[in-house]
């Protein structure tokens, strides 16, 4: 997995694709303000503040998480989500009761889809 604070303050980081990472630690990508796209399709556990202050996000794939309990409620803390497409697992999508809406964990997203 990706350890706590692994990419914290990597201000030039714009794209992350970690197709085999299974766990994302606390604050793993915090303050990566240029980060636009994140693909973590196998991550099953995402720690607190993982995407804090990731204000440039336009695409976030966390479809590997199949249990809402494995998503810390603070993972998006102060991230700008209204320009971001969120991709969840069908299980999390259904458990959250999204039903075609754009709200998830108290945030409004550009789109929310599942796979």
Protein backbone atom coordinates (compact mmCIF):
# COMPACT_ATOMS: atom_id res chain seq x y z
CA UNK A 1 0.00 0.00 0.00
CA UNK A 2 0.82 3.67 0.02
CA UNK A 3 2.05 4.84 3.43
CA UNK A 4 0.87 7.75 5.53
CA UNK A 5 1.93 11.07 3.98
CA UNK A 6 3.75 9.34 1.10
CA UNK A 7 3.05 12.12 -1.42
CA UNK A 8 2.08 14.90 0.99
CA UNK A 9 2.94 18.31 -0.49
CA UNK A 10 4.11 16.91 -3.84
CA UNK A 11 3.03 20.13 -5.48
CA UNK A 12 4.08 19.13 -9.03
CA UNK A 13 2.23 15.79 -8.97
CA UNK A 14 -0.59 15.90 -11.55
CA UNK A 15 -1.51 12.28 -12.31
CA UNK A 16 -1.46 9.09 -10.22
CA UNK A 17 -2.24 5.62 -11.50
CA UNK A 18 -1.51 2.84 -9.02
CA UNK A 19 -3.42 -0.13 -10.38
CA UNK A 20 -2.10 -2.60 -7.78
CA UNK A 21 -2.11 -0.48 -4.59
CA UNK A 22 -4.50 -2.00 -2.06
CA UNK A 23 -4.29 0.51 0.78
CA UNK A 24 -3.88 4.28 0.94
CA UNK A 25 -2.56 5.75 4.19
CA UNK A 26 -3.62 8.87 6.04
CA UNK A 27 -2.71 12.11 4.21
CA UNK A 28 -1.15 10.09 1.38
CA UNK A 29 -1.89 12.78 -1.23
CA UNK A 30 -2.69 15.74 1.03
CA UNK A 31 -1.83 19.17 -0.31
CA UNK A 32 -1.11 17.92 -3.84
CA UNK A 33 -2.85 20.96 -5.26
CA UNK A 34 -1.92 20.23 -8.90
CA UNK A 35 -3.23 16.65 -8.74
CA UNK A 36 -5.92 16.25 -11.42
CA UNK A 37 -6.46 12.53 -11.89
CA UNK A 38 -6.16 9.60 -9.49
CA UNK A 39 -6.76 5.97 -10.41
CA UNK A 40 -6.71 3.51 -7.48
CA UNK A 41 -8.97 0.71 -8.74
CA UNK A 42 -7.65 -1.96 -6.31
CA UNK A 43 -7.39 0.17 -3.16
CA UNK A 44 -9.77 -1.33 -0.60
CA UNK A 45 -8.95 0.98 2.33
CA UNK A 46 -8.39 4.75 2.18
CA UNK A 47 -7.16 6.69 5.21
CA UNK A 48 -8.15 10.05 6.61
CA UNK A 49 -7.28 13.25 4.76
CA UNK A 50 -5.94 11.18 1.83
CA UNK A 51 -7.02 13.86 -0.67
CA UNK A 52 -7.07 16.91 1.61
CA UNK A 53 -6.55 20.17 -0.32
CA UNK A 54 -6.45 18.36 -3.68
CA UNK A 55 -8.24 21.29 -5.24
CA UNK A 56 -7.49 20.49 -8.91
CA UNK A 57 -9.06 17.00 -8.99
CA UNK A 58 -11.11 16.27 -12.09
CA UNK A 59 -11.21 12.45 -11.87
CA UNK A 60 -10.99 10.11 -8.88
CA UNK A 61 -11.33 6.34 -9.25
CA UNK A 62 -11.64 4.61 -5.87
CA UNK A 63 -13.76 1.77 -7.22
CA UNK A 64 -11.78 -0.89 -5.33
CA UNK A 65 -13.39 0.08 -2.03
CA UNK A 66 -16.42 -2.17 -1.59
CA UNK A 67 -17.22 -1.30 2.03
CA UNK A 68 -18.19 2.25 3.06
CA UNK A 69 -16.51 1.54 6.39
CA UNK A 70 -13.14 1.43 4.64
CA UNK A 71 -13.53 5.05 3.48
CA UNK A 72 -12.58 7.50 6.21
CA UNK A 73 -15.16 10.29 6.27
CA UNK A 74 -12.38 12.91 6.11
CA UNK A 75 -10.65 11.67 2.93
CA UNK A 76 -11.82 14.64 0.84
CA UNK A 77 -11.38 17.32 3.51
CA UNK A 78 -11.44 20.72 1.75
CA UNK A 79 -10.99 19.20 -1.70
CA UNK A 80 -12.87 20.92 -4.50
CA UNK A 81 -15.16 18.21 -5.79
CA UNK A 82 -17.65 20.07 -7.99
CA UNK A 83 -15.37 19.72 -11.03
CA UNK A 84 -14.50 16.10 -10.28
CA UNK A 85 -15.89 12.84 -11.65
CA UNK A 86 -16.02 10.26 -8.84
CA UNK A 87 -15.92 6.54 -9.66
CA UNK A 88 -17.03 4.16 -6.90
CA UNK A 89 -17.70 0.46 -6.60
CA UNK A 90 -21.32 -0.57 -7.12
CA UNK A 91 -21.47 -1.74 -3.48
CA UNK A 92 -20.43 1.66 -2.08
CA UNK A 93 -22.64 3.49 -4.58
CA UNK A 94 -25.66 1.45 -3.50
CA UNK A 95 -24.85 1.60 0.23
CA UNK A 96 -24.55 5.40 0.07
CA UNK A 97 -27.96 5.65 -1.61
CA UNK A 98 -26.66 7.88 -4.41
CA UNK A 99 -29.25 6.73 -6.97
CA UNK A 100 -28.07 9.02 -9.77
CA UNK A 101 -27.35 11.95 -7.48
CA UNK A 102 -24.13 13.90 -7.07
CA UNK A 103 -23.76 13.96 -3.26
CA UNK A 104 -21.31 11.67 -1.44
CA UNK A 105 -19.85 12.09 2.05
CA UNK A 106 -21.31 15.58 2.26
CA UNK A 107 -19.73 16.80 -0.97
CA UNK A 108 -21.23 17.65 -4.34
CA UNK A 109 -19.44 16.07 -7.32
CA UNK A 110 -19.59 16.78 -11.04
CA UNK A 111 -20.65 13.16 -11.62
CA UNK A 112 -20.74 9.95 -9.62
CA UNK A 113 -20.61 6.63 -11.41
CA UNK A 114 -19.78 3.07 -10.44
CA UNK A 115 -18.08 0.05 -11.92
